[in-house]
């Protein structure tokens, strides 16, 4: 059996919380920001958690983080 490897693209995007959940950044904050309200942009800065249905997929991509 081959070695387990981390997908480096996923490793850059996710981090693990103390309880073992995955933390991610929110989307829609990279461009076309003039029409978005300051409140909406401010809320996009906050981190979000990966949904439970995707956490197994993220764990397979990042077995060591």
PDB file of N, CA and C in Angstrom:
ATOM      1  N   UNK A   1       0.842  -1.197   0.000  1.00  0.00           N
ATOM      2  CA  UNK A   1       0.000   0.000   0.000  1.00  0.00           C
ATOM      3  C   UNK A   1       0.878   1.247   0.000  1.00  0.00           C
ATOM      4  N   UNK A   2       0.487   2.245  -0.782  1.00  0.00           N
ATOM      5  CA  UNK A   2       1.274   3.461  -0.872  1.00  0.00           C
ATOM      6  C   UNK A   2       1.143   4.352   0.357  1.00  0.00           C
ATOM      7  N   UNK A   3       1.951   5.377   0.374  1.00  0.00           N
ATOM      8  CA  UNK A   3       1.912   6.315   1.491  1.00  0.00           C
ATOM      9  C   UNK A   3       0.653   7.175   1.436  1.00  0.00           C
ATOM     10  N   UNK A   4       0.201   7.609   2.603  1.00  0.00           N
ATOM     11  CA  UNK A   4      -0.881   8.599   2.673  1.00  0.00           C
ATOM     12  C   UNK A   4      -0.286   9.961   2.399  1.00  0.00           C
ATOM     13  N   UNK A   5      -0.933  10.718   1.544  1.00  0.00           N
ATOM     14  CA  UNK A   5      -0.443  12.060   1.251  1.00  0.00           C
ATOM     15  C   UNK A   5      -1.551  13.068   1.487  1.00  0.00           C
ATOM     16  N   UNK A   6      -1.156  14.224   1.977  1.00  0.00           N
ATOM     17  CA  UNK A   6      -2.084  15.327   2.179  1.00  0.00           C
ATOM     18  C   UNK A   6      -2.255  16.078   0.869  1.00  0.00           C
ATOM     19  N   UNK A   7      -3.494  16.428   0.546  1.00  0.00           N
ATOM     20  CA  UNK A   7      -3.726  17.314  -0.600  1.00  0.00           C
ATOM     21  C   UNK A   7      -3.368  18.720  -0.150  1.00  0.00           C
ATOM     22  N   UNK A   8      -2.323  19.277  -0.722  1.00  0.00           N
ATOM     23  CA  UNK A   8      -1.816  20.546  -0.226  1.00  0.00           C
ATOM     24  C   UNK A   8      -2.810  21.687  -0.436  1.00  0.00           C
ATOM     25  N   UNK A   9      -3.626  21.609  -1.487  1.00  0.00           N
ATOM     26  CA  UNK A   9      -4.633  22.655  -1.702  1.00  0.00           C
ATOM     27  C   UNK A   9      -5.644  22.661  -0.559  1.00  0.00           C
ATOM     28  N   UNK A  10      -6.044  21.480  -0.104  1.00  0.00           N
ATOM     29  CA  UNK A  10      -6.998  21.395   0.998  1.00  0.00           C
ATOM     30  C   UNK A  10      -6.345  21.800   2.315  1.00  0.00           C
ATOM     31  N   UNK A  11      -5.077  21.451   2.495  1.00  0.00           N
ATOM     32  CA  UNK A  11      -4.383  21.791   3.733  1.00  0.00           C
ATOM     33  C   UNK A  11      -4.276  23.303   3.916  1.00  0.00           C
ATOM     34  N   UNK A  12      -4.199  24.041   2.809  1.00  0.00           N
ATOM     35  CA  UNK A  12      -4.118  25.496   2.885  1.00  0.00           C
ATOM     36  C   UNK A  12      -5.464  26.113   3.228  1.00  0.00           C
ATOM     37  N   UNK A  13      -6.553  25.404   2.950  1.00  0.00           N
ATOM     38  CA  UNK A  13      -7.889  25.972   3.109  1.00  0.00           C
ATOM     39  C   UNK A  13      -8.575  25.617   4.423  1.00  0.00           C
ATOM     40  N   UNK A  14      -8.166  24.535   5.059  1.00  0.00           N
ATOM     41  CA  UNK A  14      -8.850  24.073   6.263  1.00  0.00           C
ATOM     42  C   UNK A  14      -7.886  24.008   7.432  1.00  0.00           C
ATOM     43  N   UNK A  15      -8.423  24.232   8.629  1.00  0.00           N
ATOM     44  CA  UNK A  15      -7.680  23.995   9.858  1.00  0.00           C
ATOM     45  C   UNK A  15      -8.622  23.330  10.844  1.00  0.00           C
ATOM     46  N   UNK A  16      -8.054  22.705  11.868  1.00  0.00           N
ATOM     47  CA  UNK A  16      -8.847  21.925  12.809  1.00  0.00           C
ATOM     48  C   UNK A  16      -9.027  22.714  14.098  1.00  0.00           C
ATOM     49  N   UNK A  17     -10.233  22.683  14.640  1.00  0.00           N
ATOM     50  CA  UNK A  17     -10.506  23.325  15.924  1.00  0.00           C
ATOM     51  C   UNK A  17     -10.107  22.366  17.048  1.00  0.00           C
ATOM     52  N   UNK A  18     -10.210  22.826  18.268  1.00  0.00           N
ATOM     53  CA  UNK A  18      -9.851  21.991  19.412  1.00  0.00           C
ATOM     54  C   UNK A  18     -10.733  20.775  19.558  1.00  0.00           C
ATOM     55  N   UNK A  19     -11.988  20.893  19.131  1.00  0.00           N
ATOM     56  CA  UNK A  19     -12.916  19.764  19.253  1.00  0.00           C
ATOM     57  C   UNK A  19     -12.863  18.837  18.050  1.00  0.00           C
ATOM     58  N   UNK A  20     -11.980  19.111  17.083  1.00  0.00           N
ATOM     59  CA  UNK A  20     -11.812  18.219  15.944  1.00  0.00           C
ATOM     60  C   UNK A  20     -12.628  18.587  14.724  1.00  0.00           C
ATOM     61  N   UNK A  21     -13.360  19.696  14.777  1.00  0.00           N
ATOM     62  CA  UNK A  21     -14.129  20.124  13.609  1.00  0.00           C
ATOM     63  C   UNK A  21     -13.216  20.899  12.671  1.00  0.00           C
ATOM     64  N   UNK A  22     -13.629  21.011  11.415  1.00  0.00           N
ATOM     65  CA  UNK A  22     -12.824  21.730  10.433  1.00  0.00           C
ATOM     66  C   UNK A  22     -13.336  23.149  10.270  1.00  0.00           C
ATOM     67  N   UNK A  23     -12.394  24.078  10.253  1.00  0.00           N
ATOM     68  CA  UNK A  23     -12.700  25.492  10.086  1.00  0.00           C
ATOM     69  C   UNK A  23     -12.360  25.890   8.662  1.00  0.00           C
ATOM     70  N   UNK A  24     -13.175  26.772   8.071  1.00  0.00           N
ATOM     71  CA  UNK A  24     -12.948  27.199   6.695  1.00  0.00           C
ATOM     72  C   UNK A  24     -13.243  28.689   6.583  1.00  0.00           C
ATOM     73  N   UNK A  25     -12.792  29.278   5.493  1.00  0.00           N
ATOM     74  CA  UNK A  25     -13.108  30.677   5.201  1.00  0.00           C
ATOM     75  C   UNK A  25     -14.392  30.725   4.381  1.00  0.00           C
ATOM     76  N   UNK A  26     -15.101  31.823   4.468  1.00  0.00           N
ATOM     77  CA  UNK A  26     -16.331  31.978   3.696  1.00  0.00           C
ATOM     78  C   UNK A  26     -16.014  32.460   2.280  1.00  0.00           C
ATOM     79  N   UNK A  27     -16.905  32.132   1.366  1.00  0.00           N
ATOM     80  CA  UNK A  27     -16.731  32.503  -0.037  1.00  0.00           C
ATOM     81  C   UNK A  27     -17.318  33.889  -0.296  1.00  0.00           C
ATOM     82  N   UNK A  28     -17.184  34.368  -1.533  1.00  0.00           N
ATOM     83  CA  UNK A  28     -17.773  35.631  -2.021  1.00  0.00           C
ATOM     84  C   UNK A  28     -17.115  36.867  -1.421  1.00  0.00           C
ATOM     85  N   UNK A  29     -15.839  36.804  -1.079  1.00  0.00           N
ATOM     86  CA  UNK A  29     -15.159  37.964  -0.500  1.00  0.00           C
ATOM     87  C   UNK A  29     -13.977  38.391  -1.362  1.00  0.00           C
ATOM     88  N   UNK A  30     -13.858  37.867  -2.598  1.00  0.00           N
ATOM     89  CA  UNK A  30     -12.650  38.146  -3.373  1.00  0.00           C
ATOM     90  C   UNK A  30     -12.804  39.295  -4.364  1.00  0.00           C
ATOM     91  N   UNK A  31     -13.989  39.505  -4.918  1.00  0.00           N
ATOM     92  CA  UNK A  31     -14.154  40.584  -5.893  1.00  0.00           C
ATOM     93  C   UNK A  31     -15.620  40.977  -5.939  1.00  0.00           C
ATOM     94  N   UNK A  32     -15.907  42.028  -6.724  1.00  0.00           N
ATOM     95  CA  UNK A  32     -17.250  42.631  -6.823  1.00  0.00           C
ATOM     96  C   UNK A  32     -17.744  43.013  -5.421  1.00  0.00           C
ATOM     97  N   UNK A  33     -16.934  43.813  -4.739  1.00  0.00           N
ATOM     98  CA  UNK A  33     -17.241  44.148  -3.347  1.00  0.00           C
ATOM     99  C   UNK A  33     -18.014  45.456  -3.210  1.00  0.00           C
ATOM    100  N   UNK A  34     -18.092  46.264  -4.267  1.00  0.00           N
ATOM    101  CA  UNK A  34     -18.761  47.562  -4.148  1.00  0.00           C
ATOM    102  C   UNK A  34     -20.248  47.422  -3.870  1.00  0.00           C
ATOM    103  N   UNK A  35     -20.880  46.431  -4.484  1.00  0.00           N
ATOM    104  CA  UNK A  35     -22.323  46.295  -4.317  1.00  0.00           C
ATOM    105  C   UNK A  35     -22.709  45.549  -3.039  1.00  0.00           C
ATOM    106  N   UNK A  36     -21.754  44.968  -2.356  1.00  0.00           N
ATOM    107  CA  UNK A  36     -22.051  44.257  -1.104  1.00  0.00           C
ATOM    108  C   UNK A  36     -21.999  45.239   0.059  1.00  0.00           C
ATOM    109  N   UNK A  37     -22.920  45.080   0.971  1.00  0.00           N
ATOM    110  CA  UNK A  37     -23.005  46.012   2.096  1.00  0.00           C
ATOM    111  C   UNK A  37     -21.849  45.778   3.065  1.00  0.00           C
ATOM    112  N   UNK A  38     -21.479  46.811   3.834  1.00  0.00           N
ATOM    113  CA  UNK A  38     -20.408  46.642   4.816  1.00  0.00           C
ATOM    114  C   UNK A  38     -20.704  45.541   5.833  1.00  0.00           C
ATOM    115  N   UNK A  39     -21.968  45.423   6.218  1.00  0.00           N
ATOM    116  CA  UNK A  39     -22.340  44.373   7.175  1.00  0.00           C
ATOM    117  C   UNK A  39     -22.092  42.987   6.584  1.00  0.00           C
ATOM    118  N   UNK A  40     -22.466  42.826   5.309  1.00  0.00           N
ATOM    119  CA  UNK A  40     -22.275  41.537   4.642  1.00  0.00           C
ATOM    120  C   UNK A  40     -20.789  41.208   4.507  1.00  0.00           C
ATOM    121  N   UNK A  41     -19.980  42.203   4.143  1.00  0.00           N
ATOM    122  CA  UNK A  41     -18.545  41.968   3.994  1.00  0.00           C
ATOM    123  C   UNK A  41     -17.896  41.670   5.343  1.00  0.00           C
ATOM    124  N   UNK A  42     -18.369  42.332   6.379  1.00  0.00           N
ATOM    125  CA  UNK A  42     -17.840  42.107   7.720  1.00  0.00           C
ATOM    126  C   UNK A  42     -18.136  40.675   8.173  1.00  0.00           C
ATOM    127  N   UNK A  43     -19.340  40.182   7.880  1.00  0.00           N
ATOM    128  CA  UNK A  43     -19.696  38.815   8.265  1.00  0.00           C
ATOM    129  C   UNK A  43     -18.949  37.772   7.439  1.00  0.00           C
ATOM    130  N   UNK A  44     -18.539  38.136   6.234  1.00  0.00           N
ATOM    131  CA  UNK A  44     -17.772  37.204   5.415  1.00  0.00           C
ATOM    132  C   UNK A  44     -16.342  37.019   5.924  1.00  0.00           C
ATOM    133  N   UNK A  45     -15.877  37.949   6.765  1.00  0.00           N
ATOM    134  CA  UNK A  45     -14.537  37.807   7.332  1.00  0.00           C
ATOM    135  C   UNK A  45     -14.457  36.692   8.361  1.00  0.00           C
ATOM    136  N   UNK A  46     -15.571  36.404   9.015  1.00  0.00           N
ATOM    137  CA  UNK A  46     -15.569  35.426  10.097  1.00  0.00           C
ATOM    138  C   UNK A  46     -15.385  34.014   9.550  1.00  0.00           C
ATOM    139  N   UNK A  47     -14.783  33.171  10.351  1.00  0.00           N
ATOM    140  CA  UNK A  47     -14.586  31.784   9.955  1.00  0.00           C
ATOM    141  C   UNK A  47     -15.891  31.010  10.092  1.00  0.00           C
ATOM    142  N   UNK A  48     -16.009  29.938   9.325  1.00  0.00           N
ATOM    143  CA  UNK A  48     -17.184  29.069   9.394  1.00  0.00           C
ATOM    144  C   UNK A  48     -16.704  27.632   9.553  1.00  0.00           C
ATOM    145  N   UNK A  49     -17.607  26.754   9.953  1.00  0.00           N
ATOM    146  CA  UNK A  49     -17.269  25.346  10.102  1.00  0.00           C
ATOM    147  C   UNK A  49     -17.726  24.570   8.866  1.00  0.00           C
ATOM    148  N   UNK A  50     -16.972  23.541   8.537  1.00  0.00           N
ATOM    149  CA  UNK A  50     -17.351  22.659   7.436  1.00  0.00           C
ATOM    150  C   UNK A  50     -18.560  21.850   7.887  1.00  0.00           C
ATOM    151  N   UNK A  51     -19.529  21.658   7.011  1.00  0.00           N
ATOM    152  CA  UNK A  51     -20.726  20.889   7.332  1.00  0.00           C
ATOM    153  C   UNK A  51     -20.352  19.441   7.628  1.00  0.00           C
ATOM    154  N   UNK A  52     -21.162  18.799   8.469  1.00  0.00           N
ATOM    155  CA  UNK A  52     -20.883  17.415   8.861  1.00  0.00           C
ATOM    156  C   UNK A  52     -20.817  16.491   7.649  1.00  0.00           C
ATOM    157  N   UNK A  53     -21.656  16.747   6.651  1.00  0.00           N
ATOM    158  CA  UNK A  53     -21.690  15.874   5.484  1.00  0.00           C
ATOM    159  C   UNK A  53     -20.397  15.942   4.675  1.00  0.00           C
ATOM    160  N   UNK A  54     -19.613  17.008   4.807  1.00  0.00           N
ATOM    161  CA  UNK A  54     -18.356  17.149   4.075  1.00  0.00           C
ATOM    162  C   UNK A  54     -17.137  16.840   4.922  1.00  0.00           C
ATOM    163  N   UNK A  55     -17.311  16.680   6.231  1.00  0.00           N
ATOM    164  CA  UNK A  55     -16.142  16.544   7.101  1.00  0.00           C
ATOM    165  C   UNK A  55     -15.355  15.267   6.819  1.00  0.00           C
ATOM    166  N   UNK A  56     -16.032  14.180   6.429  1.00  0.00           N
ATOM    167  CA  UNK A  56     -15.311  12.952   6.087  1.00  0.00           C
ATOM    168  C   UNK A  56     -14.440  13.157   4.851  1.00  0.00           C
ATOM    169  N   UNK A  57     -14.946  13.881   3.868  1.00  0.00           N
ATOM    170  CA  UNK A  57     -14.174  14.144   2.653  1.00  0.00           C
ATOM    171  C   UNK A  57     -12.948  15.001   2.961  1.00  0.00           C
ATOM    172  N   UNK A  58     -13.111  15.993   3.832  1.00  0.00           N
ATOM    173  CA  UNK A  58     -11.982  16.853   4.196  1.00  0.00           C
ATOM    174  C   UNK A  58     -10.955  16.045   4.980  1.00  0.00           C
ATOM    175  N   UNK A  59     -11.416  15.148   5.839  1.00  0.00           N
ATOM    176  CA  UNK A  59     -10.487  14.335   6.626  1.00  0.00           C
ATOM    177  C   UNK A  59      -9.665  13.408   5.724  1.00  0.00           C
ATOM    178  N   UNK A  60     -10.270  12.909   4.658  1.00  0.00           N
ATOM    179  CA  UNK A  60      -9.513  12.063   3.721  1.00  0.00           C
ATOM    180  C   UNK A  60      -8.477  12.878   2.964  1.00  0.00           C
ATOM    181  N   UNK A  61      -8.814  14.122   2.642  1.00  0.00           N
ATOM    182  CA  UNK A  61      -7.852  14.970   1.928  1.00  0.00           C
ATOM    183  C   UNK A  61      -6.722  15.427   2.829  1.00  0.00           C
ATOM    184  N   UNK A  62      -7.016  15.588   4.121  1.00  0.00           N
ATOM    185  CA  UNK A  62      -6.021  16.078   5.085  1.00  0.00           C
ATOM    186  C   UNK A  62      -5.904  15.104   6.245  1.00  0.00           C
ATOM    187  N   UNK A  63      -5.259  13.959   6.072  1.00  0.00           N
ATOM    188  CA  UNK A  63      -5.236  12.969   7.149  1.00  0.00           C
ATOM    189  C   UNK A  63      -4.359  13.361   8.339  1.00  0.00           C
ATOM    190  N   UNK A  64      -3.481  14.338   8.176  1.00  0.00           N
ATOM    191  CA  UNK A  64      -2.516  14.639   9.235  1.00  0.00           C
ATOM    192  C   UNK A  64      -2.738  15.970   9.937  1.00  0.00           C
ATOM    193  N   UNK A  65      -3.742  16.757   9.513  1.00  0.00           N
ATOM    194  CA  UNK A  65      -3.946  18.032  10.207  1.00  0.00           C
ATOM    195  C   UNK A  65      -5.036  17.893  11.245  1.00  0.00           C
TER     196      UNK A  65
END
